[in-house]
Amino acid sequence: MKNTKGKLIITEYAGSMLSVLTDADGKAQRINVESLERESILGNIYIGRVTRIMNNLDAAFMEFAGGAPGYLALDGNKKPLFLNSKRREGPLRAGDRLIVQVSKESTKNKWPVLP
């Protein structure tokens, strides 16, 4: 009995994800190559929104770049750049929008640092 189904083969090769779809005869019908390396966001500037203030950590957690989470240390950030013209100074509050720059990329278990 002949195999009437094709196969999907997925593997990692040279830092890329390679996928090949074959037909029943084993001939490649579609080949796709995607880079596994992600683009660096280090140094990029974003508009961030404070989601939570953690006084015991002296930090704020933020969302930036379409909802990505980030960490903002409050002790080294004495004058944040508020986006809201009514807020020029004072302690940060949840909902504040700031201009932030990524100073450290995320790791496996830590969010990006936004100074």
PDB file of N, CA and C in Angstrom:
ATOM      1  N   MET A   1       0.846  -1.181   0.000  1.00  0.00           N
ATOM      2  CA  MET A   1       0.000   0.000   0.000  1.00  0.00           C
ATOM      3  C   MET A   1       0.887   1.238   0.000  1.00  0.00           C
ATOM      4  N   LYS A   2       0.604   2.150  -0.879  1.00  0.00           N
ATOM      5  CA  LYS A   2       1.398   3.349  -1.047  1.00  0.00           C
ATOM      6  C   LYS A   2       0.920   4.446  -0.089  1.00  0.00           C
ATOM      7  N   ASN A   3       1.887   5.197   0.471  1.00  0.00           N
ATOM      8  CA  ASN A   3       1.574   6.322   1.351  1.00  0.00           C
ATOM      9  C   ASN A   3       0.966   7.442   0.510  1.00  0.00           C
ATOM     10  N   THR A   4      -0.256   7.863   0.831  1.00  0.00           N
ATOM     11  CA  THR A   4      -0.926   8.914   0.065  1.00  0.00           C
ATOM     12  C   THR A   4      -0.857  10.266   0.751  1.00  0.00           C
ATOM     13  N   LYS A   5      -0.148  10.300   1.860  1.00  0.00           N
ATOM     14  CA  LYS A   5      -0.045  11.555   2.595  1.00  0.00           C
ATOM     15  C   LYS A   5       1.371  12.095   2.519  1.00  0.00           C
ATOM     16  N   GLY A   6       1.472  13.405   2.529  1.00  0.00           N
ATOM     17  CA  GLY A   6       2.784  14.033   2.583  1.00  0.00           C
ATOM     18  C   GLY A   6       3.255  14.142   4.024  1.00  0.00           C
ATOM     19  N   LYS A   7       4.415  14.756   4.191  1.00  0.00           N
ATOM     20  CA  LYS A   7       4.985  14.930   5.525  1.00  0.00           C
ATOM     21  C   LYS A   7       5.387  16.381   5.723  1.00  0.00           C
ATOM     22  N   LEU A   8       5.378  16.784   6.985  1.00  0.00           N
ATOM     23  CA  LEU A   8       5.895  18.084   7.374  1.00  0.00           C
ATOM     24  C   LEU A   8       7.115  17.818   8.235  1.00  0.00           C
ATOM     25  N   ILE A   9       8.250  18.318   7.803  1.00  0.00           N
ATOM     26  CA  ILE A   9       9.505  18.129   8.521  1.00  0.00           C
ATOM     27  C   ILE A   9       9.951  19.494   9.026  1.00  0.00           C
ATOM     28  N   ILE A  10      10.215  19.593  10.342  1.00  0.00           N
ATOM     29  CA  ILE A  10      10.656  20.837  10.962  1.00  0.00           C
ATOM     30  C   ILE A  10      11.946  20.551  11.704  1.00  0.00           C
ATOM     31  N   THR A  11      12.968  21.369  11.458  1.00  0.00           N
ATOM     32  CA  THR A  11      14.249  21.197  12.141  1.00  0.00           C
ATOM     33  C   THR A  11      14.951  22.542  12.272  1.00  0.00           C
ATOM     34  N   GLU A  12      15.926  22.572  13.160  1.00  0.00           N
ATOM     35  CA  GLU A  12      16.750  23.767  13.321  1.00  0.00           C
ATOM     36  C   GLU A  12      18.031  23.549  12.535  1.00  0.00           C
ATOM     37  N   TYR A  13      18.412  24.549  11.750  1.00  0.00           N
ATOM     38  CA  TYR A  13      19.616  24.438  10.955  1.00  0.00           C
ATOM     39  C   TYR A  13      20.275  25.810  10.826  1.00  0.00           C
ATOM     40  N   ALA A  14      21.521  25.920  11.248  1.00  0.00           N
ATOM     41  CA  ALA A  14      22.330  27.141  11.107  1.00  0.00           C
ATOM     42  C   ALA A  14      21.629  28.367  11.688  1.00  0.00           C
ATOM     43  N   GLY A  15      21.043  28.231  12.877  1.00  0.00           N
ATOM     44  CA  GLY A  15      20.399  29.358  13.535  1.00  0.00           C
ATOM     45  C   GLY A  15      19.037  29.728  12.973  1.00  0.00           C
ATOM     46  N   SER A  16      18.476  28.861  12.142  1.00  0.00           N
ATOM     47  CA  SER A  16      17.173  29.115  11.538  1.00  0.00           C
ATOM     48  C   SER A  16      16.277  27.904  11.742  1.00  0.00           C
ATOM     49  N   MET A  17      14.966  28.143  11.657  1.00  0.00           N
ATOM     50  CA  MET A  17      14.002  27.048  11.694  1.00  0.00           C
ATOM     51  C   MET A  17      13.647  26.736  10.242  1.00  0.00           C
ATOM     52  N   LEU A  18      13.872  25.498   9.850  1.00  0.00           N
ATOM     53  CA  LEU A  18      13.624  25.055   8.497  1.00  0.00           C
ATOM     54  C   LEU A  18      12.422  24.120   8.504  1.00  0.00           C
ATOM     55  N   SER A  19      11.426  24.401   7.681  1.00  0.00           N
ATOM     56  CA  SER A  19      10.269  23.512   7.556  1.00  0.00           C
ATOM     57  C   SER A  19      10.078  23.161   6.080  1.00  0.00           C
ATOM     58  N   VAL A  20       9.823  21.873   5.850  1.00  0.00           N
ATOM     59  CA  VAL A  20       9.638  21.374   4.492  1.00  0.00           C
ATOM     60  C   VAL A  20       8.348  20.565   4.463  1.00  0.00           C
ATOM     61  N   LEU A  21       7.487  20.865   3.521  1.00  0.00           N
ATOM     62  CA  LEU A  21       6.255  20.113   3.306  1.00  0.00           C
ATOM     63  C   LEU A  21       6.456  19.274   2.049  1.00  0.00           C
ATOM     64  N   THR A  22       6.300  17.957   2.199  1.00  0.00           N
ATOM     65  CA  THR A  22       6.495  17.067   1.055  1.00  0.00           C
ATOM     66  C   THR A  22       5.158  16.482   0.610  1.00  0.00           C
ATOM     67  N   ASP A  23       5.131  16.022  -0.643  1.00  0.00           N
ATOM     68  CA  ASP A  23       3.933  15.338  -1.131  1.00  0.00           C
ATOM     69  C   ASP A  23       4.068  13.841  -0.867  1.00  0.00           C
ATOM     70  N   ALA A  24       3.135  13.050  -1.348  1.00  0.00           N
ATOM     71  CA  ALA A  24       3.134  11.602  -1.110  1.00  0.00           C
ATOM     72  C   ALA A  24       4.356  10.911  -1.713  1.00  0.00           C
ATOM     73  N   ASP A  25       4.952  11.502  -2.757  1.00  0.00           N
ATOM     74  CA  ASP A  25       6.130  10.914  -3.393  1.00  0.00           C
ATOM     75  C   ASP A  25       7.429  11.360  -2.721  1.00  0.00           C
ATOM     76  N   GLY A  26       7.348  12.224  -1.683  1.00  0.00           N
ATOM     77  CA  GLY A  26       8.538  12.683  -0.979  1.00  0.00           C
ATOM     78  C   GLY A  26       9.184  13.906  -1.600  1.00  0.00           C
ATOM     79  N   LYS A  27       8.551  14.493  -2.602  1.00  0.00           N
ATOM     80  CA  LYS A  27       9.093  15.692  -3.234  1.00  0.00           C
ATOM     81  C   LYS A  27       8.682  16.924  -2.440  1.00  0.00           C
ATOM     82  N   ALA A  28       9.629  17.832  -2.241  1.00  0.00           N
ATOM     83  CA  ALA A  28       9.356  19.057  -1.488  1.00  0.00           C
ATOM     84  C   ALA A  28       8.376  19.922  -2.262  1.00  0.00           C
ATOM     85  N   GLN A  29       7.296  20.297  -1.604  1.00  0.00           N
ATOM     86  CA  GLN A  29       6.295  21.161  -2.206  1.00  0.00           C
ATOM     87  C   GLN A  29       6.402  22.590  -1.695  1.00  0.00           C
ATOM     88  N   ARG A  30       6.903  22.704  -0.457  1.00  0.00           N
ATOM     89  CA  ARG A  30       7.049  24.034   0.129  1.00  0.00           C
ATOM     90  C   ARG A  30       8.203  24.008   1.123  1.00  0.00           C
ATOM     91  N   ILE A  31       9.061  24.992   1.041  1.00  0.00           N
ATOM     92  CA  ILE A  31      10.196  25.124   1.954  1.00  0.00           C
ATOM     93  C   ILE A  31      10.122  26.508   2.585  1.00  0.00           C
ATOM     94  N   ASN A  32      10.253  26.551   3.904  1.00  0.00           N
ATOM     95  CA  ASN A  32      10.192  27.820   4.622  1.00  0.00           C
ATOM     96  C   ASN A  32      11.384  27.902   5.579  1.00  0.00           C
ATOM     97  N   VAL A  33      12.063  29.041   5.605  1.00  0.00           N
ATOM     98  CA  VAL A  33      13.198  29.264   6.496  1.00  0.00           C
ATOM     99  C   VAL A  33      12.916  30.532   7.293  1.00  0.00           C
ATOM    100  N   GLU A  34      12.963  30.420   8.637  1.00  0.00           N
ATOM    101  CA  GLU A  34      12.751  31.568   9.518  1.00  0.00           C
ATOM    102  C   GLU A  34      13.922  31.692  10.467  1.00  0.00           C
ATOM    103  N   SER A  35      14.397  32.893  10.659  1.00  0.00           N
ATOM    104  CA  SER A  35      15.494  33.121  11.587  1.00  0.00           C
ATOM    105  C   SER A  35      15.013  32.929  13.021  1.00  0.00           C
ATOM    106  N   LEU A  36      15.824  32.259  13.839  1.00  0.00           N
ATOM    107  CA  LEU A  36      15.491  32.091  15.250  1.00  0.00           C
ATOM    108  C   LEU A  36      16.036  33.241  16.089  1.00  0.00           C
ATOM    109  N   GLU A  37      16.886  34.045  15.483  1.00  0.00           N
ATOM    110  CA  GLU A  37      17.440  35.187  16.210  1.00  0.00           C
ATOM    111  C   GLU A  37      16.412  36.306  16.227  1.00  0.00           C
ATOM    112  N   ARG A  38      16.191  36.843  17.398  1.00  0.00           N
ATOM    113  CA  ARG A  38      15.229  37.947  17.491  1.00  0.00           C
ATOM    114  C   ARG A  38      15.978  39.268  17.391  1.00  0.00           C
ATOM    115  N   GLU A  39      15.277  40.265  16.951  1.00  0.00           N
ATOM    116  CA  GLU A  39      15.891  41.571  16.817  1.00  0.00           C
ATOM    117  C   GLU A  39      16.107  42.190  18.187  1.00  0.00           C
ATOM    118  N   SER A  40      17.180  42.910  18.319  1.00  0.00           N
ATOM    119  CA  SER A  40      17.497  43.564  19.577  1.00  0.00           C
ATOM    120  C   SER A  40      16.632  44.809  19.755  1.00  0.00           C
ATOM    121  N   ILE A  41      16.163  45.032  20.990  1.00  0.00           N
ATOM    122  CA  ILE A  41      15.413  46.252  21.299  1.00  0.00           C
ATOM    123  C   ILE A  41      16.255  47.181  22.169  1.00  0.00           C
ATOM    124  N   LEU A  42      17.496  46.778  22.455  1.00  0.00           N
ATOM    125  CA  LEU A  42      18.383  47.566  23.296  1.00  0.00           C
ATOM    126  C   LEU A  42      18.582  48.954  22.698  1.00  0.00           C
ATOM    127  N   GLY A  43      18.334  49.979  23.500  1.00  0.00           N
ATOM    128  CA  GLY A  43      18.490  51.358  23.054  1.00  0.00           C
ATOM    129  C   GLY A  43      17.253  51.956  22.407  1.00  0.00           C
ATOM    130  N   ASN A  44      16.270  51.139  22.076  1.00  0.00           N
ATOM    131  CA  ASN A  44      15.048  51.663  21.461  1.00  0.00           C
ATOM    132  C   ASN A  44      14.269  52.517  22.453  1.00  0.00           C
ATOM    133  N   ILE A  45      13.579  53.515  21.935  1.00  0.00           N
ATOM    134  CA  ILE A  45      12.781  54.433  22.749  1.00  0.00           C
ATOM    135  C   ILE A  45      11.299  54.159  22.480  1.00  0.00           C
ATOM    136  N   TYR A  46      10.522  54.098  23.575  1.00  0.00           N
ATOM    137  CA  TYR A  46       9.099  53.767  23.477  1.00  0.00           C
ATOM    138  C   TYR A  46       8.282  54.682  24.387  1.00  0.00           C
ATOM    139  N   ILE A  47       6.978  54.675  24.170  1.00  0.00           N
ATOM    140  CA  ILE A  47       6.041  55.265  25.113  1.00  0.00           C
ATOM    141  C   ILE A  47       5.563  54.114  25.986  1.00  0.00           C
ATOM    142  N   GLY A  48       5.779  54.241  27.289  1.00  0.00           N
ATOM    143  CA  GLY A  48       5.387  53.185  28.219  1.00  0.00           C
ATOM    144  C   GLY A  48       4.289  53.668  29.147  1.00  0.00           C
ATOM    145  N   ARG A  49       3.535  52.709  29.678  1.00  0.00           N
ATOM    146  CA  ARG A  49       2.469  53.024  30.626  1.00  0.00           C
ATOM    147  C   ARG A  49       2.725  52.246  31.906  1.00  0.00           C
ATOM    148  N   VAL A  50       2.724  52.959  33.033  1.00  0.00           N
ATOM    149  CA  VAL A  50       2.931  52.329  34.333  1.00  0.00           C
ATOM    150  C   VAL A  50       1.718  51.468  34.661  1.00  0.00           C
ATOM    151  N   THR A  51       1.965  50.194  34.960  1.00  0.00           N
ATOM    152  CA  THR A  51       0.868  49.296  35.306  1.00  0.00           C
ATOM    153  C   THR A  51       0.799  49.062  36.806  1.00  0.00           C
ATOM    154  N   ARG A  52       1.961  49.075  37.478  1.00  0.00           N
ATOM    155  CA  ARG A  52       2.012  48.818  38.917  1.00  0.00           C
ATOM    156  C   ARG A  52       3.222  49.495  39.525  1.00  0.00           C
ATOM    157  N   ILE A  53       3.053  50.028  40.714  1.00  0.00           N
ATOM    158  CA  ILE A  53       4.162  50.568  41.501  1.00  0.00           C
ATOM    159  C   ILE A  53       4.408  49.591  42.642  1.00  0.00           C
ATOM    160  N   MET A  54       5.658  49.177  42.788  1.00  0.00           N
ATOM    161  CA  MET A  54       6.042  48.260  43.865  1.00  0.00           C
ATOM    162  C   MET A  54       7.000  49.003  44.789  1.00  0.00           C
ATOM    163  N   ASN A  55       6.448  49.631  45.841  1.00  0.00           N
ATOM    164  CA  ASN A  55       7.267  50.432  46.748  1.00  0.00           C
ATOM    165  C   ASN A  55       8.328  49.606  47.460  1.00  0.00           C
ATOM    166  N   ASN A  56       8.009  48.364  47.807  1.00  0.00           N
ATOM    167  CA  ASN A  56       8.989  47.533  48.501  1.00  0.00           C
ATOM    168  C   ASN A  56      10.183  47.185  47.609  1.00  0.00           C
ATOM    169  N   LEU A  57      10.017  47.218  46.296  1.00  0.00           N
ATOM    170  CA  LEU A  57      11.114  46.982  45.352  1.00  0.00           C
ATOM    171  C   LEU A  57      11.682  48.283  44.817  1.00  0.00           C
ATOM    172  N   ASP A  58      11.051  49.401  45.153  1.00  0.00           N
ATOM    173  CA  ASP A  58      11.410  50.711  44.615  1.00  0.00           C
ATOM    174  C   ASP A  58      11.439  50.653  43.086  1.00  0.00           C
ATOM    175  N   ALA A  59      10.352  50.102  42.526  1.00  0.00           N
ATOM    176  CA  ALA A  59      10.284  49.888  41.087  1.00  0.00           C
ATOM    177  C   ALA A  59       8.861  50.070  40.579  1.00  0.00           C
ATOM    178  N   ALA A  60       8.780  50.269  39.281  1.00  0.00           N
ATOM    179  CA  ALA A  60       7.494  50.322  38.594  1.00  0.00           C
ATOM    180  C   ALA A  60       7.525  49.281  37.493  1.00  0.00           C
ATOM    181  N   PHE A  61       6.405  48.618  37.283  1.00  0.00           N
ATOM    182  CA  PHE A  61       6.265  47.706  36.164  1.00  0.00           C
ATOM    183  C   PHE A  61       5.476  48.433  35.096  1.00  0.00           C
ATOM    184  N   MET A  62       5.898  48.264  33.852  1.00  0.00           N
ATOM    185  CA  MET A  62       5.327  49.036  32.756  1.00  0.00           C
ATOM    186  C   MET A  62       4.968  48.137  31.590  1.00  0.00           C
ATOM    187  N   GLU A  63       4.149  48.678  30.707  1.00  0.00           N
ATOM    188  CA  GLU A  63       3.882  48.076  29.405  1.00  0.00           C
ATOM    189  C   GLU A  63       4.414  49.040  28.363  1.00  0.00           C
ATOM    190  N   PHE A  64       5.081  48.503  27.348  1.00  0.00           N
ATOM    191  CA  PHE A  64       5.590  49.325  26.255  1.00  0.00           C
ATOM    192  C   PHE A  64       5.544  48.493  24.986  1.00  0.00           C
ATOM    193  N   ALA A  65       5.754  49.105  23.867  1.00  0.00           N
ATOM    194  CA  ALA A  65       5.821  48.405  22.573  1.00  0.00           C
ATOM    195  C   ALA A  65       4.651  47.453  22.365  1.00  0.00           C
ATOM    196  N   GLY A  66       3.450  47.948  22.494  1.00  0.00           N
ATOM    197  CA  GLY A  66       2.274  47.134  22.226  1.00  0.00           C
ATOM    198  C   GLY A  66       1.938  46.118  23.294  1.00  0.00           C
ATOM    199  N   GLY A  67       2.324  46.381  24.543  1.00  0.00           N
ATOM    200  CA  GLY A  67       1.952  45.496  25.642  1.00  0.00           C
ATOM    201  C   GLY A  67       3.080  44.681  26.232  1.00  0.00           C
ATOM    202  N   ALA A  68       4.296  44.838  25.735  1.00  0.00           N
ATOM    203  CA  ALA A  68       5.433  44.108  26.299  1.00  0.00           C
ATOM    204  C   ALA A  68       5.695  44.606  27.718  1.00  0.00           C
ATOM    205  N   PRO A  69       6.003  43.698  28.656  1.00  0.00           N
ATOM    206  CA  PRO A  69       6.263  44.131  30.028  1.00  0.00           C
ATOM    207  C   PRO A  69       7.685  44.648  30.184  1.00  0.00           C
ATOM    208  N   GLY A  70       7.863  45.591  31.114  1.00  0.00           N
ATOM    209  CA  GLY A  70       9.179  46.144  31.398  1.00  0.00           C
ATOM    210  C   GLY A  70       9.291  46.537  32.851  1.00  0.00           C
ATOM    211  N   TYR A  71      10.544  46.734  33.299  1.00  0.00           N
ATOM    212  CA  TYR A  71      10.864  47.059  34.695  1.00  0.00           C
ATOM    213  C   TYR A  71      11.543  48.418  34.720  1.00  0.00           C
ATOM    214  N   LEU A  72      11.081  49.291  35.605  1.00  0.00           N
ATOM    215  CA  LEU A  72      11.650  50.627  35.747  1.00  0.00           C
ATOM    216  C   LEU A  72      12.055  50.827  37.202  1.00  0.00           C
ATOM    217  N   ALA A  73      13.368  50.956  37.457  1.00  0.00           N
ATOM    218  CA  ALA A  73      13.849  51.222  38.804  1.00  0.00           C
ATOM    219  C   ALA A  73      13.556  52.680  39.149  1.00  0.00           C
ATOM    220  N   LEU A  74      12.938  52.921  40.300  1.00  0.00           N
ATOM    221  CA  LEU A  74      12.558  54.284  40.669  1.00  0.00           C
ATOM    222  C   LEU A  74      13.690  55.052  41.330  1.00  0.00           C
ATOM    223  N   ASP A  75      14.624  54.348  41.978  1.00  0.00           N
ATOM    224  CA  ASP A  75      15.692  55.048  42.687  1.00  0.00           C
ATOM    225  C   ASP A  75      16.634  55.787  41.742  1.00  0.00           C
ATOM    226  N   GLY A  76      16.856  55.300  40.532  1.00  0.00           N
ATOM    227  CA  GLY A  76      17.742  55.962  39.592  1.00  0.00           C
ATOM    228  C   GLY A  76      17.018  56.839  38.599  1.00  0.00           C
ATOM    229  N   ASN A  77      15.735  56.975  38.737  1.00  0.00           N
ATOM    230  CA  ASN A  77      14.931  57.727  37.777  1.00  0.00           C
ATOM    231  C   ASN A  77      14.207  58.848  38.499  1.00  0.00           C
ATOM    232  N   LYS A  78      14.947  59.886  38.833  1.00  0.00           N
ATOM    233  CA  LYS A  78      14.386  60.988  39.625  1.00  0.00           C
ATOM    234  C   LYS A  78      13.474  61.921  38.824  1.00  0.00           C
ATOM    235  N   LYS A  79      13.716  62.051  37.510  1.00  0.00           N
ATOM    236  CA  LYS A  79      12.907  62.944  36.689  1.00  0.00           C
ATOM    237  C   LYS A  79      12.397  62.206  35.451  1.00  0.00           C
ATOM    238  N   PRO A  80      11.336  61.433  35.602  1.00  0.00           N
ATOM    239  CA  PRO A  80      10.794  60.722  34.435  1.00  0.00           C
ATOM    240  C   PRO A  80      10.226  61.707  33.420  1.00  0.00           C
ATOM    241  N   LEU A  81      10.232  61.316  32.162  1.00  0.00           N
ATOM    242  CA  LEU A  81       9.683  62.155  31.097  1.00  0.00           C
ATOM    243  C   LEU A  81       8.222  61.785  30.880  1.00  0.00           C
ATOM    244  N   PHE A  82       7.333  62.542  31.541  1.00  0.00           N
ATOM    245  CA  PHE A  82       5.895  62.292  31.443  1.00  0.00           C
ATOM    246  C   PHE A  82       5.406  62.678  30.057  1.00  0.00           C
ATOM    247  N   LEU A  83       4.523  61.885  29.498  1.00  0.00           N
ATOM    248  CA  LEU A  83       3.914  62.195  28.222  1.00  0.00           C
ATOM    249  C   LEU A  83       2.720  63.128  28.406  1.00  0.00           C
ATOM    250  N   ASN A  84       2.063  63.016  29.552  1.00  0.00           N
ATOM    251  CA  ASN A  84       0.922  63.861  29.865  1.00  0.00           C
ATOM    252  C   ASN A  84       1.430  65.235  30.283  1.00  0.00           C
ATOM    253  N   SER A  85       1.052  66.274  29.574  1.00  0.00           N
ATOM    254  CA  SER A  85       1.558  67.621  29.854  1.00  0.00           C
ATOM    255  C   SER A  85       1.111  68.145  31.221  1.00  0.00           C
ATOM    256  N   LYS A  86       0.057  67.599  31.803  1.00  0.00           N
ATOM    257  CA  LYS A  86      -0.404  68.048  33.114  1.00  0.00           C
ATOM    258  C   LYS A  86       0.480  67.514  34.232  1.00  0.00           C
ATOM    259  N   ARG A  87       1.215  66.439  33.958  1.00  0.00           N
ATOM    260  CA  ARG A  87       2.070  65.821  34.969  1.00  0.00           C
ATOM    261  C   ARG A  87       3.531  66.096  34.592  1.00  0.00           C
ATOM    262  N   ARG A  88       4.176  66.935  35.332  1.00  0.00           N
ATOM    263  CA  ARG A  88       5.581  67.245  35.060  1.00  0.00           C
ATOM    264  C   ARG A  88       6.506  66.705  36.142  1.00  0.00           C
ATOM    265  N   GLU A  89       5.976  66.473  37.328  1.00  0.00           N
ATOM    266  CA  GLU A  89       6.800  65.977  38.430  1.00  0.00           C
ATOM    267  C   GLU A  89       5.921  65.263  39.439  1.00  0.00           C
ATOM    268  N   GLY A  90       6.567  64.716  40.465  1.00  0.00           N
ATOM    269  CA  GLY A  90       5.839  63.987  41.493  1.00  0.00           C
ATOM    270  C   GLY A  90       6.050  62.497  41.336  1.00  0.00           C
ATOM    271  N   PRO A  91       5.565  61.737  42.313  1.00  0.00           N
ATOM    272  CA  PRO A  91       5.750  60.288  42.257  1.00  0.00           C
ATOM    273  C   PRO A  91       4.928  59.660  41.131  1.00  0.00           C
ATOM    274  N   LEU A  92       5.451  58.587  40.599  1.00  0.00           N
ATOM    275  CA  LEU A  92       4.729  57.870  39.546  1.00  0.00           C
ATOM    276  C   LEU A  92       3.479  57.217  40.106  1.00  0.00           C
ATOM    277  N   ARG A  93       2.477  57.094  39.247  1.00  0.00           N
ATOM    278  CA  ARG A  93       1.232  56.415  39.599  1.00  0.00           C
ATOM    279  C   ARG A  93       0.864  55.477  38.463  1.00  0.00           C
ATOM    280  N   ALA A  94       0.103  54.460  38.785  1.00  0.00           N
ATOM    281  CA  ALA A  94      -0.395  53.551  37.756  1.00  0.00           C
ATOM    282  C   ALA A  94      -1.183  54.354  36.729  1.00  0.00           C
ATOM    283  N   GLY A  95      -0.941  54.086  35.476  1.00  0.00           N
ATOM    284  CA  GLY A  95      -1.613  54.803  34.395  1.00  0.00           C
ATOM    285  C   GLY A  95      -0.780  55.912  33.783  1.00  0.00           C
ATOM    286  N   ASP A  96       0.270  56.372  34.475  1.00  0.00           N
ATOM    287  CA  ASP A  96       1.136  57.411  33.913  1.00  0.00           C
ATOM    288  C   ASP A  96       1.797  56.889  32.643  1.00  0.00           C
ATOM    289  N   ARG A  97       1.891  57.783  31.662  1.00  0.00           N
ATOM    290  CA  ARG A  97       2.577  57.438  30.413  1.00  0.00           C
ATOM    291  C   ARG A  97       3.890  58.196  30.367  1.00  0.00           C
ATOM    292  N   LEU A  98       4.969  57.458  30.069  1.00  0.00           N
ATOM    293  CA  LEU A  98       6.319  58.013  30.076  1.00  0.00           C
ATOM    294  C   LEU A  98       7.040  57.678  28.779  1.00  0.00           C
ATOM    295  N   ILE A  99       8.068  58.450  28.485  1.00  0.00           N
ATOM    296  CA  ILE A  99       8.991  58.099  27.423  1.00  0.00           C
ATOM    297  C   ILE A  99      10.112  57.311  28.074  1.00  0.00           C
ATOM    298  N   VAL A 100      10.362  56.096  27.577  1.00  0.00           N
ATOM    299  CA  VAL A 100      11.362  55.203  28.166  1.00  0.00           C
ATOM    300  C   VAL A 100      12.288  54.674  27.078  1.00  0.00           C
ATOM    301  N   GLN A 101      13.481  54.266  27.506  1.00  0.00           N
ATOM    302  CA  GLN A 101      14.453  53.674  26.604  1.00  0.00           C
ATOM    303  C   GLN A 101      14.939  52.363  27.211  1.00  0.00           C
ATOM    304  N   VAL A 102      15.056  51.328  26.419  1.00  0.00           N
ATOM    305  CA  VAL A 102      15.498  50.023  26.904  1.00  0.00           C
ATOM    306  C   VAL A 102      16.996  50.078  27.167  1.00  0.00           C
ATOM    307  N   SER A 103      17.389  49.829  28.442  1.00  0.00           N
ATOM    308  CA  SER A 103      18.812  49.855  28.792  1.00  0.00           C
ATOM    309  C   SER A 103      19.386  48.456  28.981  1.00  0.00           C
ATOM    310  N   LYS A 104      18.514  47.459  29.119  1.00  0.00           N
ATOM    311  CA  LYS A 104      18.964  46.079  29.269  1.00  0.00           C
ATOM    312  C   LYS A 104      17.883  45.164  28.701  1.00  0.00           C
ATOM    313  N   GLU A 105      18.294  44.253  27.831  1.00  0.00           N
ATOM    314  CA  GLU A 105      17.346  43.331  27.202  1.00  0.00           C
ATOM    315  C   GLU A 105      16.802  42.335  28.217  1.00  0.00           C
ATOM    316  N   SER A 106      15.705  41.716  27.863  1.00  0.00           N
ATOM    317  CA  SER A 106      15.131  40.684  28.729  1.00  0.00           C
ATOM    318  C   SER A 106      16.020  39.447  28.710  1.00  0.00           C
ATOM    319  N   THR A 107      15.938  38.689  29.805  1.00  0.00           N
ATOM    320  CA  THR A 107      16.611  37.398  29.876  1.00  0.00           C
ATOM    321  C   THR A 107      15.520  36.351  30.030  1.00  0.00           C
ATOM    322  N   LYS A 108      15.891  35.126  30.295  1.00  0.00           N
ATOM    323  CA  LYS A 108      14.894  34.056  30.396  1.00  0.00           C
ATOM    324  C   LYS A 108      13.818  34.352  31.424  1.00  0.00           C
ATOM    325  N   ASN A 109      14.199  34.934  32.567  1.00  0.00           N
ATOM    326  CA  ASN A 109      13.219  35.143  33.626  1.00  0.00           C
ATOM    327  C   ASN A 109      13.123  36.592  34.100  1.00  0.00           C
ATOM    328  N   LYS A 110      13.700  37.539  33.371  1.00  0.00           N
ATOM    329  CA  LYS A 110      13.610  38.954  33.753  1.00  0.00           C
ATOM    330  C   LYS A 110      13.149  39.784  32.569  1.00  0.00           C
ATOM    331  N   TRP A 111      12.357  40.790  32.890  1.00  0.00           N
ATOM    332  CA  TRP A 111      11.851  41.693  31.867  1.00  0.00           C
ATOM    333  C   TRP A 111      12.931  42.695  31.458  1.00  0.00           C
ATOM    334  N   PRO A 112      12.755  43.380  30.328  1.00  0.00           N
ATOM    335  CA  PRO A 112      13.698  44.426  29.934  1.00  0.00           C
ATOM    336  C   PRO A 112      13.712  45.555  30.978  1.00  0.00           C
ATOM    337  N   VAL A 113      14.869  46.182  31.134  1.00  0.00           N
ATOM    338  CA  VAL A 113      15.018  47.304  32.071  1.00  0.00           C
ATOM    339  C   VAL A 113      14.862  48.599  31.294  1.00  0.00           C
ATOM    340  N   LEU A 114      14.034  49.490  31.845  1.00  0.00           N
ATOM    341  CA  LEU A 114      13.739  50.787  31.230  1.00  0.00           C
ATOM    342  C   LEU A 114      14.195  51.875  32.195  1.00  0.00           C
ATOM    343  N   PRO A 115      15.257  52.612  31.881  1.00  0.00           N
ATOM    344  CA  PRO A 115      15.707  53.649  32.836  1.00  0.00           C
ATOM    345  C   PRO A 115      14.847  54.893  32.785  1.00  0.00           C
TER     346      PRO A 115
END
